[in-house]
């Protein structure tokens, strides 16, 4: 029993799939313009759909359109799909542009030659199959460079898709050496019909994966927004609490030290009163940049509220905390802040430093000691670093 699949009907279904999913990609790209590459994928779908229209009109339109242009459009569509995925995932593959261009440029004269000079359906099938397979393998090689954790499952799915398609079209290329040359491409048999189904597989799975990855990115942005102070870009109080919960549990389990530093901008209210909240916001952004620039990668900086900031320093003792706080104090005091090329300000900050004890039941006790030390620093004249639990000559530093 042989399975018969109508080539024109399959071409029509692939055209409809490509049109619908292409429109979907364009609509999604319009709603989310920050996601680069989605519109390119949509154009790729349209090219595949257009190629299928021309392919389905074989014997009704000129052979140049139904053979040469149709196959080139389909291959260009595949190229744009993986190009769009590369852009979306921020993948840069060396020589990819030249390789992609070479595939299309090499296919065109081969199809033309074996259509009008030496008509040979088998050679056209082989040329299209090997070029399609090469395009799929380029997609695989690019996606293998992606290492982002959140989209790893989806990328593996895309790699598997391109790999399977590449293997299938390589087999189609090799099989053409052994099968009897067909008299009519529209009746070329089951394997040729399966190439259309493979195209449907490409369109459906790549669009599904793209929306999946876009949803993951949107979810990550929402989660990050919920943990980030919108003005300074530092963590907010909620995120800081979560980090402290983790560090306190680790410190209790492994008996390791950590330090919390509370800091407060001196006389910040005067800045707002004299220059306005716009200038005050610039001062806060500047001080946040100082914190981010001076702390270690494993440290956590957060805006605690208003002009108060807080730092968590894992695997650190009081002496290390005092040194880092002093560096921050000196950097803040030594920098002039220019706003709108008209206002130039210098700021100072006070710091309170505290480390954990084995007897602490929560990290809140460490935070309270750091806050008390900060209060002492402001009481002693501001613009200084004070450590908790040490005599003043040892733990205070002044400008």
Foldseek 3Di string as FASTA:
>chain_A
DFDDDQQLVLLQVLLVLLQVLLVVLVVVCVVPVVQFLSNLLSQLSNLLSCLSVLCSCPVVDDCCSNFQSSLLSNLVSLLSLLVSVCSRLVWDDPCSVVLSVVLSVVLRVQRVCCVPPNPFPLSNLLSSLQSLLVSLVSSLVRLVPRDDPLLVVLSVVSNVLSNVSSVLSVVSNVVSVPDDGDPDLSPRGDSSSVNSVSSSVNSVSSSVSVVVVVVSVVVVVVVLVVQADVLQRAGEPVVVQVVQVVLVVVCLVVVAKKKKKKKFWPPLVVCCVPPNVVVSSQLLNVLSVLVVVQDDPPKGKYAHDDRMIMIMGTRDDQVVVLVSVLVSQVVQQPDWDDDPVPDIDGIGMEMFMFMDDNPDPGCVVNVVQRVVQSVVCVVVPGSWYAYGPDDDVPGIDHD
